[in-house]
Amino acid sequence: MTRSLFLLPFAILLVMAGLFAFRQGYIFANLTETDVINIYAAKYVAETGGALTDCVARPGEGPVWIEVACRSNDGEGRIYPVDKRGALLPLASTQEAT
Protein backbone atom coordinates (compact mmCIF):
# COMPACT_ATOMS: atom_id res chain seq x y z
CA MET A 1 0.00 0.00 0.00
CA THR A 2 2.70 2.53 0.92
CA ARG A 3 4.77 1.62 -2.12
CA SER A 4 1.88 2.39 -4.48
CA LEU A 5 1.32 5.72 -2.71
CA PHE A 6 5.00 6.48 -3.13
CA LEU A 7 4.89 5.79 -6.88
CA LEU A 8 1.63 7.66 -7.55
CA PRO A 9 3.19 11.17 -7.74
CA PHE A 10 5.92 9.83 -10.01
CA ALA A 11 3.32 8.22 -12.29
CA ILE A 12 1.31 11.44 -12.45
CA LEU A 13 4.43 13.44 -13.29
CA LEU A 14 5.35 10.95 -16.00
CA VAL A 15 1.88 11.17 -17.58
CA MET A 16 1.97 14.98 -17.50
CA ALA A 17 5.42 15.03 -19.14
CA GLY A 18 4.17 12.68 -21.84
CA LEU A 19 1.14 14.86 -22.56
CA PHE A 20 3.32 17.97 -22.72
CA ALA A 21 5.73 16.26 -25.15
CA PHE A 22 2.80 15.10 -27.31
CA ARG A 23 1.35 18.63 -27.38
CA GLN A 24 4.68 20.19 -28.38
CA GLY A 25 5.15 17.59 -31.12
CA TYR A 26 1.65 18.22 -32.44
CA ILE A 27 2.25 21.98 -32.58
CA PHE A 28 5.62 21.50 -34.29
CA ALA A 29 4.20 19.07 -36.85
CA ASN A 30 1.32 21.38 -37.79
CA LEU A 31 3.12 24.74 -37.93
CA THR A 32 2.81 26.24 -41.41
CA GLU A 33 4.52 29.12 -43.14
CA THR A 34 1.24 31.04 -43.06
CA ASP A 35 1.00 30.65 -39.28
CA VAL A 36 4.50 32.04 -38.82
CA ILE A 37 3.92 34.97 -41.18
CA ASN A 38 0.63 35.87 -39.46
CA ILE A 39 2.17 35.67 -35.97
CA TYR A 40 5.12 37.94 -36.74
CA ALA A 41 3.11 40.35 -38.90
CA ALA A 42 0.72 40.75 -35.95
CA LYS A 43 3.74 41.29 -33.67
CA TYR A 44 4.95 44.03 -36.01
CA VAL A 45 1.53 45.71 -36.00
CA ALA A 46 1.37 45.57 -32.19
CA GLU A 47 4.88 47.03 -31.81
CA THR A 48 4.74 49.77 -34.43
CA GLY A 49 1.11 50.38 -35.30
CA GLY A 50 1.85 49.54 -38.94
CA ALA A 51 -0.31 47.48 -41.25
CA LEU A 52 -0.26 43.74 -41.90
CA THR A 53 0.33 44.52 -45.56
CA ASP A 54 3.70 46.07 -44.68
CA CYS A 55 5.11 42.56 -44.21
CA VAL A 56 6.47 40.01 -46.66
CA ALA A 57 8.22 36.70 -46.09
CA ARG A 58 11.10 35.01 -47.82
CA PRO A 59 12.94 31.74 -47.28
CA GLY A 60 15.82 31.89 -44.85
CA GLU A 61 19.27 30.37 -44.93
CA GLY A 62 20.92 28.05 -42.45
CA PRO A 63 19.01 27.85 -39.17
CA VAL A 64 16.52 30.49 -40.39
CA TRP A 65 13.44 28.84 -41.88
CA ILE A 66 11.53 32.01 -42.81
CA GLU A 67 12.40 35.69 -42.65
CA VAL A 68 9.43 37.98 -42.13
CA ALA A 69 10.43 41.49 -43.22
CA CYS A 70 8.17 44.44 -42.46
CA ARG A 71 8.68 48.00 -43.67
CA SER A 72 6.32 50.94 -43.26
CA ASN A 73 5.90 53.77 -45.75
CA ASP A 74 8.11 56.06 -43.66
CA GLY A 75 11.03 53.64 -44.08
CA GLU A 76 11.06 52.03 -40.63
CA GLY A 77 11.73 48.32 -41.04
CA ARG A 78 12.04 45.17 -38.97
CA ILE A 79 13.16 41.67 -39.80
CA TYR A 80 11.99 38.64 -37.87
CA PRO A 81 14.17 35.55 -38.56
CA VAL A 82 12.24 32.45 -37.51
CA ASP A 83 13.38 28.84 -37.10
CA LYS A 84 11.39 25.71 -37.95
CA ARG A 85 9.88 25.62 -34.44
CA GLY A 86 8.46 29.12 -34.94
CA ALA A 87 10.90 30.68 -32.49
CA LEU A 88 12.37 34.10 -33.13
CA LEU A 89 16.13 33.94 -33.71
CA PRO A 90 18.49 36.78 -32.85
CA LEU A 91 19.07 39.15 -35.74
CA ALA A 92 22.72 39.36 -36.77
CA SER A 93 24.21 42.71 -35.86
CA THR A 94 25.35 43.30 -39.43
CA GLN A 95 21.94 42.67 -40.96
CA GLU A 96 19.62 45.63 -41.51
CA ALA A 97 16.04 45.84 -42.68
CA THR A 98 15.78 46.18 -46.43
C-alpha atoms as a PDB file:
ATOM      1  CA  MET A   1       0.000   0.000   0.000  1.00  0.00           C
ATOM      2  CA  THR A   2       2.698   2.530   0.923  1.00  0.00           C
ATOM      3  CA  ARG A   3       4.766   1.617  -2.117  1.00  0.00           C
ATOM      4  CA  SER A   4       1.884   2.386  -4.479  1.00  0.00           C
ATOM      5  CA  LEU A   5       1.320   5.716  -2.713  1.00  0.00           C
ATOM      6  CA  PHE A   6       5.002   6.481  -3.127  1.00  0.00           C
ATOM      7  CA  LEU A   7       4.888   5.787  -6.880  1.00  0.00           C
ATOM      8  CA  LEU A   8       1.632   7.661  -7.547  1.00  0.00           C
ATOM      9  CA  PRO A   9       3.190  11.172  -7.738  1.00  0.00           C
ATOM     10  CA  PHE A  10       5.922   9.827 -10.010  1.00  0.00           C
ATOM     11  CA  ALA A  11       3.323   8.219 -12.288  1.00  0.00           C
ATOM     12  CA  ILE A  12       1.308  11.443 -12.448  1.00  0.00           C
ATOM     13  CA  LEU A  13       4.431  13.444 -13.287  1.00  0.00           C
ATOM     14  CA  LEU A  14       5.352  10.951 -16.004  1.00  0.00           C
ATOM     15  CA  VAL A  15       1.881  11.166 -17.581  1.00  0.00           C
ATOM     16  CA  MET A  16       1.970  14.979 -17.500  1.00  0.00           C
ATOM     17  CA  ALA A  17       5.418  15.026 -19.137  1.00  0.00           C
ATOM     18  CA  GLY A  18       4.166  12.676 -21.840  1.00  0.00           C
ATOM     19  CA  LEU A  19       1.137  14.856 -22.556  1.00  0.00           C
ATOM     20  CA  PHE A  20       3.321  17.966 -22.720  1.00  0.00           C
ATOM     21  CA  ALA A  21       5.727  16.261 -25.154  1.00  0.00           C
ATOM     22  CA  PHE A  22       2.804  15.101 -27.311  1.00  0.00           C
ATOM     23  CA  ARG A  23       1.353  18.625 -27.385  1.00  0.00           C
ATOM     24  CA  GLN A  24       4.677  20.188 -28.377  1.00  0.00           C
ATOM     25  CA  GLY A  25       5.149  17.595 -31.116  1.00  0.00           C
ATOM     26  CA  TYR A  26       1.650  18.224 -32.436  1.00  0.00           C
ATOM     27  CA  ILE A  27       2.250  21.981 -32.584  1.00  0.00           C
ATOM     28  CA  PHE A  28       5.620  21.504 -34.295  1.00  0.00           C
ATOM     29  CA  ALA A  29       4.200  19.069 -36.851  1.00  0.00           C
ATOM     30  CA  ASN A  30       1.325  21.381 -37.787  1.00  0.00           C
ATOM     31  CA  LEU A  31       3.122  24.742 -37.932  1.00  0.00           C
ATOM     32  CA  THR A  32       2.805  26.237 -41.406  1.00  0.00           C
ATOM     33  CA  GLU A  33       4.520  29.123 -43.137  1.00  0.00           C
ATOM     34  CA  THR A  34       1.245  31.041 -43.060  1.00  0.00           C
ATOM     35  CA  ASP A  35       0.996  30.653 -39.284  1.00  0.00           C
ATOM     36  CA  VAL A  36       4.499  32.037 -38.819  1.00  0.00           C
ATOM     37  CA  ILE A  37       3.915  34.974 -41.178  1.00  0.00           C
ATOM     38  CA  ASN A  38       0.633  35.870 -39.456  1.00  0.00           C
ATOM     39  CA  ILE A  39       2.170  35.669 -35.974  1.00  0.00           C
ATOM     40  CA  TYR A  40       5.119  37.936 -36.740  1.00  0.00           C
ATOM     41  CA  ALA A  41       3.111  40.348 -38.900  1.00  0.00           C
ATOM     42  CA  ALA A  42       0.718  40.750 -35.947  1.00  0.00           C
ATOM     43  CA  LYS A  43       3.741  41.294 -33.672  1.00  0.00           C
ATOM     44  CA  TYR A  44       4.954  44.035 -36.014  1.00  0.00           C
ATOM     45  CA  VAL A  45       1.529  45.711 -36.000  1.00  0.00           C
ATOM     46  CA  ALA A  46       1.369  45.569 -32.193  1.00  0.00           C
ATOM     47  CA  GLU A  47       4.876  47.026 -31.808  1.00  0.00           C
ATOM     48  CA  THR A  48       4.739  49.767 -34.434  1.00  0.00           C
ATOM     49  CA  GLY A  49       1.109  50.378 -35.299  1.00  0.00           C
ATOM     50  CA  GLY A  50       1.853  49.544 -38.942  1.00  0.00           C
ATOM     51  CA  ALA A  51      -0.310  47.475 -41.252  1.00  0.00           C
ATOM     52  CA  LEU A  52      -0.258  43.742 -41.895  1.00  0.00           C
ATOM     53  CA  THR A  53       0.326  44.516 -45.561  1.00  0.00           C
ATOM     54  CA  ASP A  54       3.703  46.072 -44.682  1.00  0.00           C
ATOM     55  CA  CYS A  55       5.107  42.556 -44.210  1.00  0.00           C
ATOM     56  CA  VAL A  56       6.473  40.015 -46.659  1.00  0.00           C
ATOM     57  CA  ALA A  57       8.220  36.702 -46.086  1.00  0.00           C
ATOM     58  CA  ARG A  58      11.104  35.013 -47.817  1.00  0.00           C
ATOM     59  CA  PRO A  59      12.944  31.738 -47.284  1.00  0.00           C
ATOM     60  CA  GLY A  60      15.820  31.890 -44.848  1.00  0.00           C
ATOM     61  CA  GLU A  61      19.272  30.369 -44.932  1.00  0.00           C
ATOM     62  CA  GLY A  62      20.921  28.053 -42.447  1.00  0.00           C
ATOM     63  CA  PRO A  63      19.012  27.855 -39.175  1.00  0.00           C
ATOM     64  CA  VAL A  64      16.523  30.493 -40.393  1.00  0.00           C
ATOM     65  CA  TRP A  65      13.442  28.844 -41.882  1.00  0.00           C
ATOM     66  CA  ILE A  66      11.526  32.014 -42.811  1.00  0.00           C
ATOM     67  CA  GLU A  67      12.402  35.693 -42.646  1.00  0.00           C
ATOM     68  CA  VAL A  68       9.428  37.982 -42.130  1.00  0.00           C
ATOM     69  CA  ALA A  69      10.429  41.486 -43.221  1.00  0.00           C
ATOM     70  CA  CYS A  70       8.169  44.444 -42.465  1.00  0.00           C
ATOM     71  CA  ARG A  71       8.676  48.004 -43.671  1.00  0.00           C
ATOM     72  CA  SER A  72       6.318  50.939 -43.258  1.00  0.00           C
ATOM     73  CA  ASN A  73       5.900  53.769 -45.751  1.00  0.00           C
ATOM     74  CA  ASP A  74       8.111  56.063 -43.664  1.00  0.00           C
ATOM     75  CA  GLY A  75      11.026  53.644 -44.083  1.00  0.00           C
ATOM     76  CA  GLU A  76      11.064  52.035 -40.633  1.00  0.00           C
ATOM     77  CA  GLY A  77      11.726  48.322 -41.035  1.00  0.00           C
ATOM     78  CA  ARG A  78      12.042  45.175 -38.972  1.00  0.00           C
ATOM     79  CA  ILE A  79      13.157  41.669 -39.800  1.00  0.00           C
ATOM     80  CA  TYR A  80      11.988  38.635 -37.870  1.00  0.00           C
ATOM     81  CA  PRO A  81      14.174  35.555 -38.560  1.00  0.00           C
ATOM     82  CA  VAL A  82      12.244  32.450 -37.507  1.00  0.00           C
ATOM     83  CA  ASP A  83      13.381  28.843 -37.101  1.00  0.00           C
ATOM     84  CA  LYS A  84      11.391  25.708 -37.950  1.00  0.00           C
ATOM     85  CA  ARG A  85       9.883  25.617 -34.440  1.00  0.00           C
ATOM     86  CA  GLY A  86       8.456  29.116 -34.942  1.00  0.00           C
ATOM     87  CA  ALA A  87      10.901  30.684 -32.491  1.00  0.00           C
ATOM     88  CA  LEU A  88      12.372  34.105 -33.131  1.00  0.00           C
ATOM     89  CA  LEU A  89      16.129  33.940 -33.710  1.00  0.00           C
ATOM     90  CA  PRO A  90      18.494  36.783 -32.848  1.00  0.00           C
ATOM     91  CA  LEU A  91      19.074  39.146 -35.743  1.00  0.00           C
ATOM     92  CA  ALA A  92      22.717  39.358 -36.769  1.00  0.00           C
ATOM     93  CA  SER A  93      24.210  42.706 -35.857  1.00  0.00           C
ATOM     94  CA  THR A  94      25.347  43.297 -39.433  1.00  0.00           C
ATOM     95  CA  GLN A  95      21.940  42.672 -40.958  1.00  0.00           C
ATOM     96  CA  GLU A  96      19.621  45.630 -41.507  1.00  0.00           C
ATOM     97  CA  ALA A  97      16.042  45.843 -42.681  1.00  0.00           C
ATOM     98  CA  THR A  98      15.782  46.183 -46.428  1.00  0.00           C
END
